[in-house]
Amino acid sequence: TYTVDQSAVFTDSLNDLAIIKINAQNLPAVTV
């Protein structure tokens, strides 16, 4: 579990999208 810093949240309300940055490396990223 990771607690997210509020300064690491970036949002776009118009398109209902958001990015969260957590302090972690070597995570299993998906293929788009």
PDB file of all heavy atoms in Angstrom:
ATOM      1  N   THR A   1       0.835  -1.203   0.000  1.00  0.00           N
ATOM      2  CA  THR A   1       0.000   0.000   0.000  1.00  0.00           C
ATOM      3  C   THR A   1       0.867   1.248   0.000  1.00  0.00           C
ATOM      4  O   THR A   1       1.902   1.305   0.684  1.00  0.00           O
ATOM      5  CB  THR A   1      -0.934   0.006   1.231  1.00  0.00           C
ATOM      6  OG1 THR A   1      -1.745  -1.163   1.202  1.00  0.00           O
ATOM      7  CG2 THR A   1      -1.828   1.234   1.230  1.00  0.00           C
ATOM      8  N   TYR A   2       0.408   2.254  -0.762  1.00  0.00           N
ATOM      9  CA  TYR A   2       1.117   3.521  -0.848  1.00  0.00           C
ATOM     10  C   TYR A   2       0.144   4.659  -0.534  1.00  0.00           C
ATOM     11  O   TYR A   2      -0.992   4.668  -1.012  1.00  0.00           O
ATOM     12  CB  TYR A   2       1.696   3.743  -2.246  1.00  0.00           C
ATOM     13  CG  TYR A   2       2.742   2.724  -2.644  1.00  0.00           C
ATOM     14  CD1 TYR A   2       2.370   1.495  -3.180  1.00  0.00           C
ATOM     15  CD2 TYR A   2       4.102   2.988  -2.471  1.00  0.00           C
ATOM     16  CE1 TYR A   2       3.322   0.556  -3.539  1.00  0.00           C
ATOM     17  CE2 TYR A   2       5.062   2.055  -2.834  1.00  0.00           C
ATOM     18  CZ  TYR A   2       4.659   0.839  -3.375  1.00  0.00           C
ATOM     19  OH  TYR A   2       5.617  -0.091  -3.729  1.00  0.00           O
ATOM     20  N   THR A   3       0.614   5.615   0.274  1.00  0.00           N
ATOM     21  CA  THR A   3      -0.163   6.826   0.533  1.00  0.00           C
ATOM     22  C   THR A   3       0.258   7.882  -0.481  1.00  0.00           C
ATOM     23  O   THR A   3       1.461   8.118  -0.685  1.00  0.00           O
ATOM     24  CB  THR A   3       0.082   7.338   1.962  1.00  0.00           C
ATOM     25  OG1 THR A   3      -0.332   6.330   2.890  1.00  0.00           O
ATOM     26  CG2 THR A   3      -0.720   8.607   2.219  1.00  0.00           C
ATOM     27  N   VAL A   4      -0.724   8.503  -1.118  1.00  0.00           N
ATOM     28  CA  VAL A   4      -0.455   9.436  -2.212  1.00  0.00           C
ATOM     29  C   VAL A   4      -0.377  10.857  -1.677  1.00  0.00           C
ATOM     30  O   VAL A   4      -1.264  11.315  -0.942  1.00  0.00           O
ATOM     31  CB  VAL A   4      -1.551   9.339  -3.293  1.00  0.00           C
ATOM     32  CG1 VAL A   4      -1.261  10.311  -4.430  1.00  0.00           C
ATOM     33  CG2 VAL A   4      -1.652   7.910  -3.816  1.00  0.00           C
ATOM     34  N   ASP A   5       0.690  11.568  -2.047  1.00  0.00           N
ATOM     35  CA  ASP A   5       0.814  12.984  -1.727  1.00  0.00           C
ATOM     36  C   ASP A   5      -0.141  13.770  -2.620  1.00  0.00           C
ATOM     37  O   ASP A   5      -0.223  13.516  -3.828  1.00  0.00           O
ATOM     38  CB  ASP A   5       2.265  13.432  -1.960  1.00  0.00           C
ATOM     39  CG  ASP A   5       2.551  14.811  -1.394  1.00  0.00           C
ATOM     40  OD1 ASP A   5       1.736  15.724  -1.637  1.00  0.00           O
ATOM     41  OD2 ASP A   5       3.582  14.973  -0.721  1.00  0.00           O
ATOM     42  N   GLN A   6      -0.872  14.719  -2.035  1.00  0.00           N
ATOM     43  CA  GLN A   6      -1.827  15.497  -2.814  1.00  0.00           C
ATOM     44  C   GLN A   6      -1.162  16.253  -3.965  1.00  0.00           C
ATOM     45  O   GLN A   6      -1.787  16.492  -5.007  1.00  0.00           O
ATOM     46  CB  GLN A   6      -2.567  16.492  -1.906  1.00  0.00           C
ATOM     47  CG  GLN A   6      -3.437  15.839  -0.855  1.00  0.00           C
ATOM     48  CD  GLN A   6      -4.642  15.146  -1.454  1.00  0.00           C
ATOM     49  OE1 GLN A   6      -5.161  15.555  -2.484  1.00  0.00           O
ATOM     50  NE2 GLN A   6      -5.082  14.063  -0.824  1.00  0.00           N
ATOM     51  N   SER A   7       0.101  16.610  -3.800  1.00  0.00           N
ATOM     52  CA  SER A   7       0.806  17.329  -4.870  1.00  0.00           C
ATOM     53  C   SER A   7       1.162  16.415  -6.030  1.00  0.00           C
ATOM     54  O   SER A   7       1.615  16.887  -7.081  1.00  0.00           O
ATOM     55  CB  SER A   7       2.088  17.967  -4.312  1.00  0.00           C
ATOM     56  OG  SER A   7       2.993  16.963  -3.856  1.00  0.00           O
ATOM     57  N   ALA A   8       0.954  15.111  -5.875  1.00  0.00           N
ATOM     58  CA  ALA A   8       1.269  14.146  -6.922  1.00  0.00           C
ATOM     59  C   ALA A   8       0.022  13.656  -7.642  1.00  0.00           C
ATOM     60  O   ALA A   8       0.019  12.582  -8.243  1.00  0.00           O
ATOM     61  CB  ALA A   8       2.037  12.968  -6.338  1.00  0.00           C
ATOM     62  N   VAL A   9      -1.053  14.448  -7.567  1.00  0.00           N
ATOM     63  CA  VAL A   9      -2.306  14.118  -8.251  1.00  0.00           C
ATOM     64  C   VAL A   9      -2.577  15.200  -9.294  1.00  0.00           C
ATOM     65  O   VAL A   9      -2.622  16.388  -8.963  1.00  0.00           O
ATOM     66  CB  VAL A   9      -3.483  14.031  -7.261  1.00  0.00           C
ATOM     67  CG1 VAL A   9      -4.770  13.695  -8.001  1.00  0.00           C
ATOM     68  CG2 VAL A   9      -3.195  12.996  -6.180  1.00  0.00           C
ATOM     69  N   PHE A  10      -2.765  14.790 -10.538  1.00  0.00           N
ATOM     70  CA  PHE A  10      -2.982  15.730 -11.641  1.00  0.00           C
ATOM     71  C   PHE A  10      -4.255  15.306 -12.376  1.00  0.00           C
ATOM     72  O   PHE A  10      -4.377  14.140 -12.779  1.00  0.00           O
ATOM     73  CB  PHE A  10      -1.789  15.729 -12.590  1.00  0.00           C
ATOM     74  CG  PHE A  10      -0.475  15.956 -11.884  1.00  0.00           C
ATOM     75  CD1 PHE A  10       0.272  14.878 -11.419  1.00  0.00           C
ATOM     76  CD2 PHE A  10       0.004  17.234 -11.658  1.00  0.00           C
ATOM     77  CE1 PHE A  10       1.473  15.066 -10.748  1.00  0.00           C
ATOM     78  CE2 PHE A  10       1.201  17.442 -10.990  1.00  0.00           C
ATOM     79  CZ  PHE A  10       1.938  16.356 -10.531  1.00  0.00           C
ATOM     80  N   THR A  11      -5.176  16.237 -12.538  1.00  0.00           N
ATOM     81  CA  THR A  11      -6.502  15.863 -13.030  1.00  0.00           C
ATOM     82  C   THR A  11      -6.947  16.704 -14.211  1.00  0.00           C
ATOM     83  O   THR A  11      -6.488  17.839 -14.409  1.00  0.00           O
ATOM     84  CB  THR A  11      -7.550  15.996 -11.913  1.00  0.00           C
ATOM     85  OG1 THR A  11      -7.650  17.383 -11.530  1.00  0.00           O
ATOM     86  CG2 THR A  11      -7.174  15.165 -10.701  1.00  0.00           C
ATOM     87  N   ASP A  12      -7.850  16.134 -14.967  1.00  0.00           N
ATOM     88  CA  ASP A  12      -8.560  16.841 -16.032  1.00  0.00           C
ATOM     89  C   ASP A  12     -10.036  16.495 -15.886  1.00  0.00           C
ATOM     90  O   ASP A  12     -10.475  15.424 -16.321  1.00  0.00           O
ATOM     91  CB  ASP A  12      -8.042  16.429 -17.411  1.00  0.00           C
ATOM     92  CG  ASP A  12      -8.825  17.105 -18.532  1.00  0.00           C
ATOM     93  OD1 ASP A  12      -9.055  18.320 -18.440  1.00  0.00           O
ATOM     94  OD2 ASP A  12      -9.226  16.414 -19.486  1.00  0.00           O
ATOM     95  N   SER A  13     -10.783  17.383 -15.251  1.00  0.00           N
ATOM     96  CA  SER A  13     -12.190  17.096 -14.954  1.00  0.00           C
ATOM     97  C   SER A  13     -13.030  17.005 -16.209  1.00  0.00           C
ATOM     98  O   SER A  13     -14.011  16.254 -16.251  1.00  0.00           O
ATOM     99  CB  SER A  13     -12.756  18.160 -14.016  1.00  0.00           C
ATOM    100  OG  SER A  13     -12.672  19.452 -14.613  1.00  0.00           O
ATOM    101  N   LEU A  14     -12.671  17.761 -17.255  1.00  0.00           N
ATOM    102  CA  LEU A  14     -13.487  17.784 -18.463  1.00  0.00           C
ATOM    103  C   LEU A  14     -13.576  16.408 -19.103  1.00  0.00           C
ATOM    104  O   LEU A  14     -14.642  15.985 -19.566  1.00  0.00           O
ATOM    105  CB  LEU A  14     -12.925  18.797 -19.464  1.00  0.00           C
ATOM    106  CG  LEU A  14     -13.806  19.062 -20.680  1.00  0.00           C
ATOM    107  CD1 LEU A  14     -15.088  19.764 -20.280  1.00  0.00           C
ATOM    108  CD2 LEU A  14     -13.057  19.880 -21.708  1.00  0.00           C
ATOM    109  N   ASN A  15     -12.459  15.688 -19.126  1.00  0.00           N
ATOM    110  CA  ASN A  15     -12.437  14.353 -19.727  1.00  0.00           C
ATOM    111  C   ASN A  15     -12.413  13.243 -18.683  1.00  0.00           C
ATOM    112  O   ASN A  15     -12.218  12.077 -19.027  1.00  0.00           O
ATOM    113  CB  ASN A  15     -11.234  14.208 -20.659  1.00  0.00           C
ATOM    114  CG  ASN A  15     -11.409  14.984 -21.941  1.00  0.00           C
ATOM    115  OD1 ASN A  15     -12.168  14.603 -22.823  1.00  0.00           O
ATOM    116  ND2 ASN A  15     -10.714  16.120 -22.043  1.00  0.00           N
ATOM    117  N   ASP A  16     -12.585  13.601 -17.413  1.00  0.00           N
ATOM    118  CA  ASP A  16     -12.667  12.630 -16.316  1.00  0.00           C
ATOM    119  C   ASP A  16     -11.435  11.732 -16.268  1.00  0.00           C
ATOM    120  O   ASP A  16     -11.538  10.510 -16.141  1.00  0.00           O
ATOM    121  CB  ASP A  16     -13.941  11.789 -16.436  1.00  0.00           C
ATOM    122  CG  ASP A  16     -14.237  11.030 -15.147  1.00  0.00           C
ATOM    123  OD1 ASP A  16     -13.802  11.488 -14.074  1.00  0.00           O
ATOM    124  OD2 ASP A  16     -14.892   9.978 -15.218  1.00  0.00           O
ATOM    125  N   LEU A  17     -10.255  12.351 -16.341  1.00  0.00           N
ATOM    126  CA  LEU A  17      -9.005  11.598 -16.273  1.00  0.00           C
ATOM    127  C   LEU A  17      -8.121  12.169 -15.174  1.00  0.00           C
ATOM    128  O   LEU A  17      -8.187  13.358 -14.857  1.00  0.00           O
ATOM    129  CB  LEU A  17      -8.266  11.654 -17.618  1.00  0.00           C
ATOM    130  CG  LEU A  17      -8.926  10.888 -18.767  1.00  0.00           C
ATOM    131  CD1 LEU A  17      -8.250  11.227 -20.084  1.00  0.00           C
ATOM    132  CD2 LEU A  17      -8.878   9.387 -18.514  1.00  0.00           C
ATOM    133  N   ALA A  18      -7.290  11.309 -14.608  1.00  0.00           N
ATOM    134  CA  ALA A  18      -6.359  11.743 -13.571  1.00  0.00           C
ATOM    135  C   ALA A  18      -5.110  10.876 -13.604  1.00  0.00           C
ATOM    136  O   ALA A  18      -5.159   9.711 -14.015  1.00  0.00           O
ATOM    137  CB  ALA A  18      -7.015  11.678 -12.190  1.00  0.00           C
ATOM    138  N   ILE A  19      -4.003  11.485 -13.142  1.00  0.00           N
ATOM    139  CA  ILE A  19      -2.724  10.787 -13.005  1.00  0.00           C
ATOM    140  C   ILE A  19      -2.309  10.848 -11.546  1.00  0.00           C
ATOM    141  O   ILE A  19      -2.388  11.905 -10.906  1.00  0.00           O
ATOM    142  CB  ILE A  19      -1.637  11.444 -13.878  1.00  0.00           C
ATOM    143  CG1 ILE A  19      -1.972  11.294 -15.361  1.00  0.00           C
ATOM    144  CG2 ILE A  19      -0.268  10.835 -13.593  1.00  0.00           C
ATOM    145  CD1 ILE A  19      -2.004   9.873 -15.847  1.00  0.00           C
ATOM    146  N   ILE A  20      -1.883   9.715 -11.006  1.00  0.00           N
ATOM    147  CA  ILE A  20      -1.352   9.636  -9.646  1.00  0.00           C
ATOM    148  C   ILE A  20       0.111   9.176  -9.739  1.00  0.00           C
ATOM    149  O   ILE A  20       0.420   8.233 -10.469  1.00  0.00           O
ATOM    150  CB  ILE A  20      -2.149   8.633  -8.788  1.00  0.00           C
ATOM    151  CG1 ILE A  20      -3.585   9.126  -8.592  1.00  0.00           C
ATOM    152  CG2 ILE A  20      -1.472   8.400  -7.445  1.00  0.00           C
ATOM    153  CD1 ILE A  20      -4.466   8.111  -7.893  1.00  0.00           C
ATOM    154  N   LYS A  21       0.978   9.846  -9.002  1.00  0.00           N
ATOM    155  CA  LYS A  21       2.387   9.433  -8.953  1.00  0.00           C
ATOM    156  C   LYS A  21       2.694   8.922  -7.553  1.00  0.00           C
ATOM    157  O   LYS A  21       2.482   9.612  -6.557  1.00  0.00           O
ATOM    158  CB  LYS A  21       3.297  10.624  -9.281  1.00  0.00           C
ATOM    159  CG  LYS A  21       4.793  10.308  -9.178  1.00  0.00           C
ATOM    160  CD  LYS A  21       5.214   9.329 -10.254  1.00  0.00           C
ATOM    161  CE  LYS A  21       6.733   9.147 -10.270  1.00  0.00           C
ATOM    162  NZ  LYS A  21       7.251   8.461  -9.070  1.00  0.00           N
ATOM    163  N   ILE A  22       3.146   7.668  -7.475  1.00  0.00           N
ATOM    164  CA  ILE A  22       3.551   7.099  -6.189  1.00  0.00           C
ATOM    165  C   ILE A  22       5.056   6.873  -6.194  1.00  0.00           C
ATOM    166  O   ILE A  22       5.686   6.779  -7.255  1.00  0.00           O
ATOM    167  CB  ILE A  22       2.816   5.776  -5.883  1.00  0.00           C
ATOM    168  CG1 ILE A  22       3.133   4.714  -6.941  1.00  0.00           C
ATOM    169  CG2 ILE A  22       1.316   6.013  -5.784  1.00  0.00           C
ATOM    170  CD1 ILE A  22       2.555   3.340  -6.630  1.00  0.00           C
ATOM    171  N   ASN A  23       5.624   6.792  -5.013  1.00  0.00           N
ATOM    172  CA  ASN A  23       7.067   6.616  -4.868  1.00  0.00           C
ATOM    173  C   ASN A  23       7.407   5.130  -4.931  1.00  0.00           C
ATOM    174  O   ASN A  23       7.535   4.446  -3.919  1.00  0.00           O
ATOM    175  CB  ASN A  23       7.536   7.223  -3.541  1.00  0.00           C
ATOM    176  CG  ASN A  23       9.054   7.211  -3.421  1.00  0.00           C
ATOM    177  OD1 ASN A  23       9.765   7.124  -4.423  1.00  0.00           O
ATOM    178  ND2 ASN A  23       9.550   7.281  -2.189  1.00  0.00           N
ATOM    179  N   ALA A  24       7.512   4.607  -6.158  1.00  0.00           N
ATOM    180  CA  ALA A  24       7.818   3.192  -6.357  1.00  0.00           C
ATOM    181  C   ALA A  24       8.509   3.020  -7.708  1.00  0.00           C
ATOM    182  O   ALA A  24       8.347   3.845  -8.621  1.00  0.00           O
ATOM    183  CB  ALA A  24       6.539   2.359  -6.303  1.00  0.00           C
ATOM    184  N   GLN A  25       9.272   1.971  -7.838  1.00  0.00           N
ATOM    185  CA  GLN A  25       9.974   1.675  -9.090  1.00  0.00           C
ATOM    186  C   GLN A  25       9.775   0.205  -9.450  1.00  0.00           C
ATOM    187  O   GLN A  25       9.338  -0.603  -8.629  1.00  0.00           O
ATOM    188  CB  GLN A  25      11.481   1.961  -8.950  1.00  0.00           C
ATOM    189  CG  GLN A  25      11.849   3.432  -8.854  1.00  0.00           C
ATOM    190  CD  GLN A  25      11.605   4.023  -7.488  1.00  0.00           C
ATOM    191  OE1 GLN A  25      11.826   3.344  -6.475  1.00  0.00           O
ATOM    192  NE2 GLN A  25      11.141   5.261  -7.438  1.00  0.00           N
ATOM    193  N   ASN A  26      10.102  -0.086 -10.695  1.00  0.00           N
ATOM    194  CA  ASN A  26      10.052  -1.454 -11.216  1.00  0.00           C
ATOM    195  C   ASN A  26       8.673  -2.095 -11.053  1.00  0.00           C
ATOM    196  O   ASN A  26       8.550  -3.279 -10.710  1.00  0.00           O
ATOM    197  CB  ASN A  26      11.115  -2.330 -10.529  1.00  0.00           C
ATOM    198  CG  ASN A  26      12.521  -1.827 -10.770  1.00  0.00           C
ATOM    199  OD1 ASN A  26      12.852  -1.414 -11.886  1.00  0.00           O
ATOM    200  ND2 ASN A  26      13.345  -1.839  -9.741  1.00  0.00           N
ATOM    201  N   LEU A  27       7.661  -1.299 -11.301  1.00  0.00           N
ATOM    202  CA  LEU A  27       6.288  -1.804 -11.221  1.00  0.00           C
ATOM    203  C   LEU A  27       5.906  -2.484 -12.530  1.00  0.00           C
ATOM    204  O   LEU A  27       6.449  -2.168 -13.597  1.00  0.00           O
ATOM    205  CB  LEU A  27       5.320  -0.655 -10.917  1.00  0.00           C
ATOM    206  CG  LEU A  27       5.545   0.083  -9.602  1.00  0.00           C
ATOM    207  CD1 LEU A  27       4.541   1.222  -9.464  1.00  0.00           C
ATOM    208  CD2 LEU A  27       5.437  -0.870  -8.419  1.00  0.00           C
ATOM    209  N   PRO A  28       4.951  -3.406 -12.488  1.00  0.00           N
ATOM    210  CA  PRO A  28       4.511  -4.090 -13.723  1.00  0.00           C
ATOM    211  C   PRO A  28       3.564  -3.210 -14.547  1.00  0.00           C
ATOM    212  O   PRO A  28       2.354  -3.192 -14.314  1.00  0.00           O
ATOM    213  CB  PRO A  28       3.803  -5.338 -13.195  1.00  0.00           C
ATOM    214  CG  PRO A  28       3.291  -4.925 -11.848  1.00  0.00           C
ATOM    215  CD  PRO A  28       4.288  -3.959 -11.284  1.00  0.00           C
ATOM    216  N   ALA A  29       4.097  -2.487 -15.491  1.00  0.00           N
ATOM    217  CA  ALA A  29       3.290  -1.587 -16.321  1.00  0.00           C
ATOM    218  C   ALA A  29       2.550  -2.379 -17.396  1.00  0.00           C
ATOM    219  O   ALA A  29       3.015  -3.420 -17.867  1.00  0.00           O
ATOM    220  CB  ALA A  29       4.168  -0.530 -16.961  1.00  0.00           C
ATOM    221  N   VAL A  30       1.393  -1.863 -17.799  1.00  0.00           N
ATOM    222  CA  VAL A  30       0.602  -2.507 -18.845  1.00  0.00           C
ATOM    223  C   VAL A  30       1.099  -2.102 -20.223  1.00  0.00           C
ATOM    224  O   VAL A  30       1.892  -1.163 -20.377  1.00  0.00           O
ATOM    225  CB  VAL A  30      -0.891  -2.133 -18.723  1.00  0.00           C
ATOM    226  CG1 VAL A  30      -1.471  -2.584 -17.407  1.00  0.00           C
ATOM    227  CG2 VAL A  30      -1.066  -0.629 -18.904  1.00  0.00           C
ATOM    228  N   THR A  31       0.582  -2.783 -21.222  1.00  0.00           N
ATOM    229  CA  THR A  31       0.792  -2.393 -22.616  1.00  0.00           C
ATOM    230  C   THR A  31      -0.470  -1.694 -23.095  1.00  0.00           C
ATOM    231  O   THR A  31      -1.578  -2.174 -22.866  1.00  0.00           O
ATOM    232  CB  THR A  31       1.059  -3.626 -23.495  1.00  0.00           C
ATOM    233  OG1 THR A  31       2.212  -4.309 -23.001  1.00  0.00           O
ATOM    234  CG2 THR A  31       1.281  -3.222 -24.941  1.00  0.00           C
ATOM    235  N   VAL A  32      -0.306  -0.550 -23.744  1.00  0.00           N
ATOM    236  CA  VAL A  32      -1.456   0.218 -24.242  1.00  0.00           C
ATOM    237  C   VAL A  32      -1.704  -0.163 -25.698  1.00  0.00           C
ATOM    238  O   VAL A  32      -0.772  -0.173 -26.523  1.00  0.00           O
ATOM    239  CB  VAL A  32      -1.215   1.727 -24.115  1.00  0.00           C
ATOM    240  CG1 VAL A  32      -2.401   2.499 -24.686  1.00  0.00           C
ATOM    241  CG2 VAL A  32      -0.990   2.103 -22.657  1.00  0.00           C
TER     242      VAL A  32
END
